[in-house]
Amino acid sequence: MKIRRVVVNKRKAQFEVVTTAGRVLPLPFSELRPRLRPGDSVVEAHPDQEIGREGFTFTRASGAEDTIHVDTVLAYNRDPRFMSELALHQLTCKALDRIEKARLSRREIARRLGTSAAQLYRLLDPTNYAKSIDQMICLLYVLGCEVSIAVKPRKRAA
C-alpha cells in the first residue's frame, strides 16, 4: 500500500496517513519509538520516495528524522487485509521452522501434499501472499503439527 500524503495533526497528537486508495489512517505520536521528549514535537512529515511511498519520514523539532513504514500504520489500525497477511506470514515461518526439524525430504512433503516441488517452494516463500491459509494448514499437518484457530476479542478496539 502506498501513501499519498501525511498530515501532522498536532491538536490530536497524531499523523493522519492518506493512502493512494483514499483511506485516512491515524497513527498517534505515542506509538513513535523512540518517543517524543518533553519540549520536542513533530514539525513536518512527507511520504518517503526512497522507499517507494510505502512509508513516510518525519522531522522532529530537535532536527532528528525518522521513517515509519506503512506496515506500522496498518498494524496499529488493525487493517483486516494486513492482519490476514500477517497470520499467513506467521504460518509460513512456523512451517519453515518445522521443515528444518522434519525427517522428510521436500519431495516427500510435496508428494504427501499431492502437489509439485515448485508449489511447495511457493508455499514456503514468506513473501508469497497468493497462497491460502488452507494450503498452509495442510502443509503444517504434513509436517506433524496440530493446528488450531482461536477466535477471541481484540485487546484494543480499532
N, C-alpha and C. Protein backbone atom coordinates (compact mmCIF):
# COMPACT_ATOMS: atom_id res chain seq x y z
N MET A 1 0.85 -1.16 0.00
CA MET A 1 0.00 0.00 0.00
C MET A 1 0.90 1.23 0.00
N LYS A 2 0.54 2.19 -0.81
CA LYS A 2 1.35 3.39 -0.93
C LYS A 2 0.67 4.57 -0.25
N ILE A 3 1.49 5.54 0.13
CA ILE A 3 1.00 6.71 0.85
C ILE A 3 0.93 7.90 -0.11
N ARG A 4 -0.21 8.57 -0.11
CA ARG A 4 -0.39 9.76 -0.94
C ARG A 4 0.15 10.99 -0.22
N ARG A 5 -0.25 11.16 1.06
CA ARG A 5 0.25 12.30 1.84
C ARG A 5 0.12 11.99 3.33
N VAL A 6 0.80 12.79 4.13
CA VAL A 6 0.77 12.64 5.59
C VAL A 6 0.47 14.01 6.18
N VAL A 7 -0.52 14.06 7.05
CA VAL A 7 -0.88 15.29 7.73
C VAL A 7 -0.44 15.16 9.18
N VAL A 8 0.24 16.19 9.69
CA VAL A 8 0.63 16.23 11.10
C VAL A 8 -0.48 16.99 11.83
N ASN A 9 -1.24 16.27 12.65
CA ASN A 9 -2.32 16.87 13.41
C ASN A 9 -1.84 17.04 14.85
N LYS A 10 -1.34 18.23 15.16
CA LYS A 10 -0.78 18.48 16.50
C LYS A 10 -1.87 18.53 17.56
N ARG A 11 -3.06 18.97 17.19
CA ARG A 11 -4.17 19.04 18.15
C ARG A 11 -4.52 17.65 18.68
N LYS A 12 -4.56 16.66 17.78
CA LYS A 12 -4.85 15.28 18.19
C LYS A 12 -3.59 14.49 18.50
N ALA A 13 -2.43 15.10 18.31
CA ALA A 13 -1.13 14.45 18.55
C ALA A 13 -1.03 13.16 17.76
N GLN A 14 -1.25 13.27 16.44
CA GLN A 14 -1.17 12.09 15.59
C GLN A 14 -0.84 12.46 14.16
N PHE A 15 -0.34 11.46 13.43
CA PHE A 15 -0.20 11.57 11.98
C PHE A 15 -1.51 11.09 11.40
N GLU A 16 -1.91 11.67 10.28
CA GLU A 16 -3.05 11.18 9.53
C GLU A 16 -2.52 10.80 8.16
N VAL A 17 -2.39 9.50 7.96
CA VAL A 17 -1.78 8.96 6.75
C VAL A 17 -2.87 8.72 5.72
N VAL A 18 -2.74 9.36 4.57
CA VAL A 18 -3.71 9.20 3.48
C VAL A 18 -3.10 8.27 2.44
N THR A 19 -3.75 7.15 2.20
CA THR A 19 -3.23 6.17 1.23
C THR A 19 -3.69 6.53 -0.17
N THR A 20 -3.09 5.88 -1.15
CA THR A 20 -3.49 6.13 -2.54
C THR A 20 -4.91 5.65 -2.79
N ALA A 21 -5.42 4.76 -1.93
CA ALA A 21 -6.81 4.29 -2.05
C ALA A 21 -7.78 5.28 -1.41
N GLY A 22 -7.26 6.35 -0.79
CA GLY A 22 -8.11 7.37 -0.19
C GLY A 22 -8.43 7.14 1.28
N ARG A 23 -7.93 6.08 1.86
CA ARG A 23 -8.17 5.82 3.29
C ARG A 23 -7.32 6.74 4.14
N VAL A 24 -7.90 7.22 5.24
CA VAL A 24 -7.16 8.05 6.20
C VAL A 24 -6.95 7.20 7.45
N LEU A 25 -5.68 6.91 7.75
CA LEU A 25 -5.33 6.06 8.88
C LEU A 25 -4.54 6.87 9.91
N PRO A 26 -5.04 6.95 11.14
CA PRO A 26 -4.31 7.70 12.17
C PRO A 26 -3.16 6.88 12.76
N LEU A 27 -2.12 7.56 13.19
CA LEU A 27 -1.03 6.95 13.95
C LEU A 27 -0.64 7.96 15.02
N PRO A 28 -0.99 7.70 16.29
CA PRO A 28 -0.68 8.64 17.38
C PRO A 28 0.83 8.79 17.58
N PHE A 29 1.23 9.97 17.99
CA PHE A 29 2.64 10.21 18.30
C PHE A 29 3.12 9.27 19.41
N SER A 30 2.20 8.81 20.26
CA SER A 30 2.58 7.92 21.37
C SER A 30 3.11 6.57 20.87
N GLU A 31 2.88 6.24 19.60
CA GLU A 31 3.37 5.00 19.03
C GLU A 31 4.80 5.12 18.50
N LEU A 32 5.35 6.32 18.49
CA LEU A 32 6.70 6.54 17.97
C LEU A 32 7.74 5.92 18.88
N ARG A 33 8.75 5.33 18.28
CA ARG A 33 9.90 4.78 19.01
C ARG A 33 11.16 5.31 18.37
N PRO A 34 12.01 6.04 19.04
CA PRO A 34 11.85 6.49 20.42
C PRO A 34 10.74 7.53 20.53
N ARG A 35 10.16 7.62 21.71
CA ARG A 35 9.07 8.55 21.96
C ARG A 35 9.55 10.00 21.86
N LEU A 36 8.59 10.89 21.65
CA LEU A 36 8.91 12.32 21.67
C LEU A 36 9.24 12.72 23.10
N ARG A 37 10.27 13.52 23.26
CA ARG A 37 10.65 14.00 24.58
C ARG A 37 9.87 15.28 24.89
N PRO A 38 9.73 15.60 26.16
CA PRO A 38 9.05 16.85 26.51
C PRO A 38 9.75 18.04 25.82
N GLY A 39 8.97 18.90 25.21
CA GLY A 39 9.52 20.05 24.50
C GLY A 39 9.84 19.76 23.05
N ASP A 40 9.88 18.48 22.69
CA ASP A 40 10.12 18.10 21.29
C ASP A 40 8.76 17.90 20.62
N SER A 41 8.69 18.14 19.34
CA SER A 41 7.44 17.95 18.62
C SER A 41 7.75 17.55 17.19
N VAL A 42 6.72 17.13 16.47
CA VAL A 42 6.86 16.81 15.06
C VAL A 42 6.59 18.08 14.27
N VAL A 43 7.51 18.44 13.39
CA VAL A 43 7.34 19.68 12.64
C VAL A 43 6.92 19.44 11.20
N GLU A 44 7.26 18.26 10.65
CA GLU A 44 6.95 18.02 9.24
C GLU A 44 6.95 16.53 8.97
N ALA A 45 6.11 16.09 8.02
CA ALA A 45 6.09 14.69 7.60
C ALA A 45 5.72 14.64 6.13
N HIS A 46 6.31 13.67 5.42
CA HIS A 46 6.02 13.52 3.99
C HIS A 46 6.25 12.06 3.56
N PRO A 47 5.53 11.60 2.52
CA PRO A 47 5.78 10.26 2.00
C PRO A 47 7.24 10.15 1.56
N ASP A 48 7.86 9.03 1.85
CA ASP A 48 9.27 8.84 1.53
C ASP A 48 9.42 8.20 0.16
N GLN A 49 9.97 8.96 -0.78
CA GLN A 49 10.17 8.48 -2.15
C GLN A 49 11.20 7.35 -2.20
N GLU A 50 12.17 7.38 -1.30
CA GLU A 50 13.25 6.39 -1.32
C GLU A 50 12.75 4.98 -1.02
N ILE A 51 11.63 4.85 -0.34
CA ILE A 51 11.07 3.52 -0.10
C ILE A 51 9.77 3.33 -0.89
N GLY A 52 9.68 4.03 -1.98
CA GLY A 52 8.55 3.86 -2.90
C GLY A 52 7.21 4.29 -2.34
N ARG A 53 7.21 5.31 -1.49
CA ARG A 53 5.99 5.83 -0.86
C ARG A 53 5.29 4.76 -0.02
N GLU A 54 6.04 3.74 0.42
CA GLU A 54 5.50 2.71 1.31
C GLU A 54 5.80 3.06 2.77
N GLY A 55 6.03 4.30 3.02
CA GLY A 55 6.29 4.79 4.36
C GLY A 55 6.42 6.30 4.30
N PHE A 56 6.65 6.90 5.46
CA PHE A 56 6.83 8.35 5.50
C PHE A 56 7.95 8.71 6.45
N THR A 57 8.54 9.85 6.17
CA THR A 57 9.61 10.39 7.01
C THR A 57 9.09 11.63 7.71
N PHE A 58 9.43 11.74 8.97
CA PHE A 58 9.02 12.93 9.72
C PHE A 58 10.24 13.54 10.39
N THR A 59 10.14 14.83 10.65
CA THR A 59 11.21 15.58 11.29
C THR A 59 10.72 16.09 12.63
N ARG A 60 11.55 15.89 13.64
CA ARG A 60 11.25 16.39 14.99
C ARG A 60 11.79 17.82 15.10
N ALA A 61 11.30 18.57 16.08
CA ALA A 61 11.78 19.93 16.31
C ALA A 61 13.27 19.94 16.64
N SER A 62 13.76 18.83 17.21
CA SER A 62 15.18 18.73 17.55
C SER A 62 16.05 18.56 16.30
N GLY A 63 15.41 18.33 15.15
CA GLY A 63 16.15 18.14 13.90
C GLY A 63 16.31 16.68 13.51
N ALA A 64 16.02 15.76 14.44
CA ALA A 64 16.13 14.34 14.14
C ALA A 64 15.04 13.91 13.17
N GLU A 65 15.41 13.01 12.26
CA GLU A 65 14.44 12.46 11.31
C GLU A 65 14.27 10.97 11.58
N ASP A 66 13.09 10.48 11.26
CA ASP A 66 12.82 9.06 11.39
C ASP A 66 11.83 8.67 10.30
N THR A 67 11.82 7.38 9.97
CA THR A 67 10.93 6.88 8.93
C THR A 67 10.03 5.81 9.52
N ILE A 68 8.76 5.86 9.16
CA ILE A 68 7.76 4.89 9.60
C ILE A 68 7.26 4.16 8.35
N HIS A 69 7.32 2.82 8.38
CA HIS A 69 6.81 2.02 7.26
C HIS A 69 5.29 1.94 7.36
N VAL A 70 4.63 1.84 6.23
CA VAL A 70 3.18 1.77 6.20
C VAL A 70 2.66 0.56 6.97
N ASP A 71 3.44 -0.51 7.08
CA ASP A 71 3.01 -1.68 7.86
C ASP A 71 2.77 -1.33 9.32
N THR A 72 3.53 -0.40 9.86
CA THR A 72 3.33 0.04 11.25
C THR A 72 1.97 0.70 11.40
N VAL A 73 1.61 1.51 10.42
CA VAL A 73 0.31 2.20 10.44
C VAL A 73 -0.82 1.19 10.29
N LEU A 74 -0.65 0.23 9.36
CA LEU A 74 -1.68 -0.78 9.15
C LEU A 74 -1.85 -1.67 10.38
N ALA A 75 -0.74 -2.03 11.02
CA ALA A 75 -0.81 -2.87 12.23
C ALA A 75 -1.51 -2.11 13.36
N TYR A 76 -1.18 -0.84 13.54
CA TYR A 76 -1.82 -0.05 14.60
C TYR A 76 -3.34 0.01 14.38
N ASN A 77 -3.75 0.18 13.13
CA ASN A 77 -5.17 0.31 12.79
C ASN A 77 -5.86 -1.03 12.60
N ARG A 78 -5.12 -2.13 12.79
CA ARG A 78 -5.67 -3.48 12.64
C ARG A 78 -6.38 -3.65 11.30
N ASP A 79 -5.71 -3.22 10.23
CA ASP A 79 -6.27 -3.36 8.89
C ASP A 79 -6.54 -4.83 8.61
N PRO A 80 -7.76 -5.20 8.22
CA PRO A 80 -8.10 -6.61 8.04
C PRO A 80 -7.21 -7.35 7.04
N ARG A 81 -6.92 -6.74 5.91
CA ARG A 81 -6.08 -7.41 4.92
C ARG A 81 -4.66 -7.59 5.46
N PHE A 82 -4.14 -6.57 6.12
CA PHE A 82 -2.80 -6.67 6.68
C PHE A 82 -2.74 -7.76 7.75
N MET A 83 -3.75 -7.82 8.63
CA MET A 83 -3.76 -8.81 9.69
C MET A 83 -3.85 -10.23 9.11
N SER A 84 -4.60 -10.39 8.03
CA SER A 84 -4.69 -11.69 7.36
C SER A 84 -3.34 -12.08 6.77
N GLU A 85 -2.67 -11.14 6.12
CA GLU A 85 -1.35 -11.42 5.56
C GLU A 85 -0.33 -11.70 6.66
N LEU A 86 -0.46 -11.04 7.79
CA LEU A 86 0.42 -11.28 8.92
C LEU A 86 0.24 -12.71 9.45
N ALA A 87 -1.02 -13.16 9.57
CA ALA A 87 -1.28 -14.53 10.01
C ALA A 87 -0.70 -15.53 9.03
N LEU A 88 -0.84 -15.25 7.73
CA LEU A 88 -0.28 -16.13 6.70
C LEU A 88 1.24 -16.18 6.80
N HIS A 89 1.85 -15.03 7.05
CA HIS A 89 3.30 -14.96 7.20
C HIS A 89 3.75 -15.77 8.42
N GLN A 90 3.02 -15.66 9.52
CA GLN A 90 3.37 -16.40 10.73
C GLN A 90 3.25 -17.91 10.52
N LEU A 91 2.22 -18.34 9.79
CA LEU A 91 2.09 -19.77 9.47
C LEU A 91 3.27 -20.23 8.61
N THR A 92 3.69 -19.39 7.67
CA THR A 92 4.82 -19.73 6.81
C THR A 92 6.09 -19.87 7.63
N CYS A 93 6.31 -18.96 8.57
CA CYS A 93 7.51 -19.03 9.42
C CYS A 93 7.50 -20.30 10.27
N LYS A 94 6.33 -20.67 10.80
CA LYS A 94 6.22 -21.91 11.57
C LYS A 94 6.54 -23.11 10.69
N ALA A 95 6.04 -23.09 9.46
CA ALA A 95 6.31 -24.20 8.53
C ALA A 95 7.80 -24.28 8.22
N LEU A 96 8.44 -23.15 8.02
CA LEU A 96 9.88 -23.15 7.74
C LEU A 96 10.67 -23.69 8.93
N ASP A 97 10.25 -23.34 10.15
CA ASP A 97 10.90 -23.88 11.35
C ASP A 97 10.73 -25.40 11.42
N ARG A 98 9.51 -25.86 11.16
CA ARG A 98 9.22 -27.30 11.25
C ARG A 98 9.90 -28.10 10.15
N ILE A 99 10.04 -27.52 8.98
CA ILE A 99 10.64 -28.25 7.87
C ILE A 99 12.11 -28.53 8.14
N GLU A 100 12.75 -27.64 8.92
CA GLU A 100 14.15 -27.86 9.31
C GLU A 100 14.27 -29.08 10.22
N LYS A 101 13.24 -29.29 11.06
CA LYS A 101 13.28 -30.39 12.03
C LYS A 101 12.68 -31.68 11.49
N ALA A 102 11.96 -31.58 10.38
CA ALA A 102 11.29 -32.75 9.82
C ALA A 102 12.29 -33.76 9.26
N ARG A 103 11.94 -35.01 9.40
CA ARG A 103 12.79 -36.06 8.85
C ARG A 103 12.36 -36.42 7.43
N LEU A 104 11.56 -35.57 6.84
CA LEU A 104 11.06 -35.81 5.48
C LEU A 104 11.79 -34.92 4.48
N SER A 105 12.02 -35.47 3.30
CA SER A 105 12.61 -34.64 2.25
C SER A 105 11.51 -33.73 1.70
N ARG A 106 11.92 -32.70 1.02
CA ARG A 106 10.93 -31.78 0.44
C ARG A 106 10.12 -32.48 -0.64
N ARG A 107 10.73 -33.38 -1.35
CA ARG A 107 9.99 -34.16 -2.37
C ARG A 107 8.90 -35.00 -1.70
N GLU A 108 9.23 -35.61 -0.57
CA GLU A 108 8.25 -36.43 0.15
C GLU A 108 7.12 -35.56 0.69
N ILE A 109 7.46 -34.39 1.18
CA ILE A 109 6.43 -33.47 1.68
C ILE A 109 5.49 -33.08 0.54
N ALA A 110 6.07 -32.76 -0.61
CA ALA A 110 5.26 -32.39 -1.78
C ALA A 110 4.36 -33.56 -2.20
N ARG A 111 4.92 -34.78 -2.16
CA ARG A 111 4.13 -35.96 -2.54
C ARG A 111 2.94 -36.13 -1.59
N ARG A 112 3.19 -35.97 -0.29
CA ARG A 112 2.11 -36.12 0.69
C ARG A 112 1.05 -35.03 0.56
N LEU A 113 1.47 -33.87 0.12
CA LEU A 113 0.51 -32.78 -0.12
C LEU A 113 -0.24 -32.96 -1.43
N GLY A 114 0.29 -33.83 -2.30
CA GLY A 114 -0.33 -34.03 -3.61
C GLY A 114 -0.06 -32.87 -4.54
N THR A 115 1.13 -32.33 -4.43
CA THR A 115 1.48 -31.16 -5.25
C THR A 115 2.90 -31.30 -5.77
N SER A 116 3.34 -30.31 -6.49
CA SER A 116 4.69 -30.35 -7.07
C SER A 116 5.69 -29.72 -6.10
N ALA A 117 6.96 -29.99 -6.36
CA ALA A 117 8.02 -29.38 -5.55
C ALA A 117 8.01 -27.86 -5.73
N ALA A 118 7.72 -27.41 -6.94
CA ALA A 118 7.67 -25.96 -7.21
C ALA A 118 6.58 -25.30 -6.37
N GLN A 119 5.43 -25.97 -6.26
CA GLN A 119 4.34 -25.41 -5.45
C GLN A 119 4.72 -25.40 -3.97
N LEU A 120 5.43 -26.43 -3.52
CA LEU A 120 5.90 -26.46 -2.13
C LEU A 120 6.82 -25.27 -1.86
N TYR A 121 7.72 -24.99 -2.79
CA TYR A 121 8.62 -23.85 -2.61
C TYR A 121 7.85 -22.52 -2.59
N ARG A 122 6.76 -22.43 -3.37
CA ARG A 122 5.93 -21.22 -3.32
C ARG A 122 5.24 -21.11 -1.95
N LEU A 123 4.80 -22.24 -1.40
CA LEU A 123 4.18 -22.23 -0.07
C LEU A 123 5.17 -21.79 1.00
N LEU A 124 6.43 -22.15 0.82
CA LEU A 124 7.45 -21.82 1.81
C LEU A 124 8.05 -20.43 1.64
N ASP A 125 7.61 -19.69 0.61
CA ASP A 125 8.10 -18.34 0.37
C ASP A 125 7.33 -17.35 1.25
N PRO A 126 8.00 -16.73 2.24
CA PRO A 126 7.29 -15.81 3.14
C PRO A 126 6.73 -14.57 2.45
N THR A 127 7.24 -14.24 1.28
CA THR A 127 6.75 -13.04 0.58
C THR A 127 5.60 -13.34 -0.38
N ASN A 128 5.22 -14.61 -0.49
CA ASN A 128 4.13 -15.00 -1.39
C ASN A 128 2.82 -14.94 -0.61
N TYR A 129 1.94 -14.02 -0.98
CA TYR A 129 0.64 -13.91 -0.32
C TYR A 129 -0.49 -14.40 -1.21
N ALA A 130 -0.14 -15.08 -2.31
CA ALA A 130 -1.15 -15.65 -3.19
C ALA A 130 -1.60 -17.03 -2.69
N LYS A 131 -0.89 -17.57 -1.71
CA LYS A 131 -1.27 -18.86 -1.16
C LYS A 131 -2.41 -18.68 -0.17
N SER A 132 -3.04 -19.78 0.19
CA SER A 132 -4.15 -19.69 1.13
C SER A 132 -3.75 -20.24 2.50
N ILE A 133 -4.51 -19.83 3.48
CA ILE A 133 -4.29 -20.36 4.83
C ILE A 133 -4.58 -21.85 4.84
N ASP A 134 -5.55 -22.28 4.03
CA ASP A 134 -5.88 -23.70 3.91
C ASP A 134 -4.66 -24.51 3.47
N GLN A 135 -3.93 -24.02 2.46
CA GLN A 135 -2.74 -24.72 1.99
C GLN A 135 -1.69 -24.80 3.09
N MET A 136 -1.54 -23.72 3.87
CA MET A 136 -0.55 -23.71 4.94
C MET A 136 -0.93 -24.67 6.06
N ILE A 137 -2.21 -24.77 6.36
CA ILE A 137 -2.65 -25.72 7.39
C ILE A 137 -2.37 -27.15 6.94
N CYS A 138 -2.66 -27.45 5.67
CA CYS A 138 -2.34 -28.79 5.14
C CYS A 138 -0.85 -29.08 5.25
N LEU A 139 -0.02 -28.11 4.89
CA LEU A 139 1.43 -28.28 4.97
C LEU A 139 1.86 -28.53 6.41
N LEU A 140 1.32 -27.78 7.34
CA LEU A 140 1.70 -27.95 8.75
C LEU A 140 1.27 -29.32 9.28
N TYR A 141 0.13 -29.83 8.82
CA TYR A 141 -0.29 -31.18 9.23
C TYR A 141 0.68 -32.23 8.70
N VAL A 142 1.11 -32.07 7.45
CA VAL A 142 2.10 -32.99 6.89
C VAL A 142 3.39 -32.94 7.69
N LEU A 143 3.71 -31.77 8.21
CA LEU A 143 4.94 -31.61 8.99
C LEU A 143 4.78 -32.03 10.46
N GLY A 144 3.62 -32.60 10.78
CA GLY A 144 3.41 -33.13 12.12
C GLY A 144 2.94 -32.12 13.14
N CYS A 145 2.34 -31.04 12.69
CA CYS A 145 1.85 -30.02 13.61
C CYS A 145 0.34 -30.15 13.79
N GLU A 146 -0.10 -29.83 14.98
CA GLU A 146 -1.52 -29.72 15.26
C GLU A 146 -1.85 -28.24 15.12
N VAL A 147 -2.81 -27.92 14.30
CA VAL A 147 -3.17 -26.52 14.05
C VAL A 147 -4.55 -26.27 14.63
N SER A 148 -4.65 -25.24 15.46
CA SER A 148 -5.96 -24.84 15.97
C SER A 148 -6.08 -23.34 15.76
N ILE A 149 -7.30 -22.92 15.52
CA ILE A 149 -7.55 -21.50 15.30
C ILE A 149 -8.38 -20.99 16.46
N ALA A 150 -7.91 -19.93 17.08
CA ALA A 150 -8.62 -19.34 18.22
C ALA A 150 -9.21 -18.01 17.79
N VAL A 151 -10.46 -17.82 18.08
CA VAL A 151 -11.13 -16.55 17.80
C VAL A 151 -11.45 -15.93 19.14
N LYS A 152 -10.93 -14.73 19.37
CA LYS A 152 -11.14 -14.06 20.65
C LYS A 152 -11.23 -12.56 20.40
N PRO A 153 -11.82 -11.83 21.32
CA PRO A 153 -11.94 -10.39 21.15
C PRO A 153 -10.57 -9.74 21.17
N ARG A 154 -10.44 -8.66 20.40
CA ARG A 154 -9.19 -7.93 20.41
C ARG A 154 -9.02 -7.21 21.72
N LYS A 155 -7.76 -6.99 22.09
CA LYS A 155 -7.46 -6.27 23.33
C LYS A 155 -7.77 -4.80 23.21
N ARG A 156 -7.55 -4.25 22.00
CA ARG A 156 -7.75 -2.82 21.78
C ARG A 156 -8.66 -2.67 20.58
N ALA A 157 -9.73 -1.97 20.73
CA ALA A 157 -10.65 -1.73 19.61
C ALA A 157 -10.01 -0.79 18.62
N ALA A 158 -10.30 -1.03 17.34
CA ALA A 158 -9.73 -0.18 16.29
C ALA A 158 -10.48 1.12 16.18
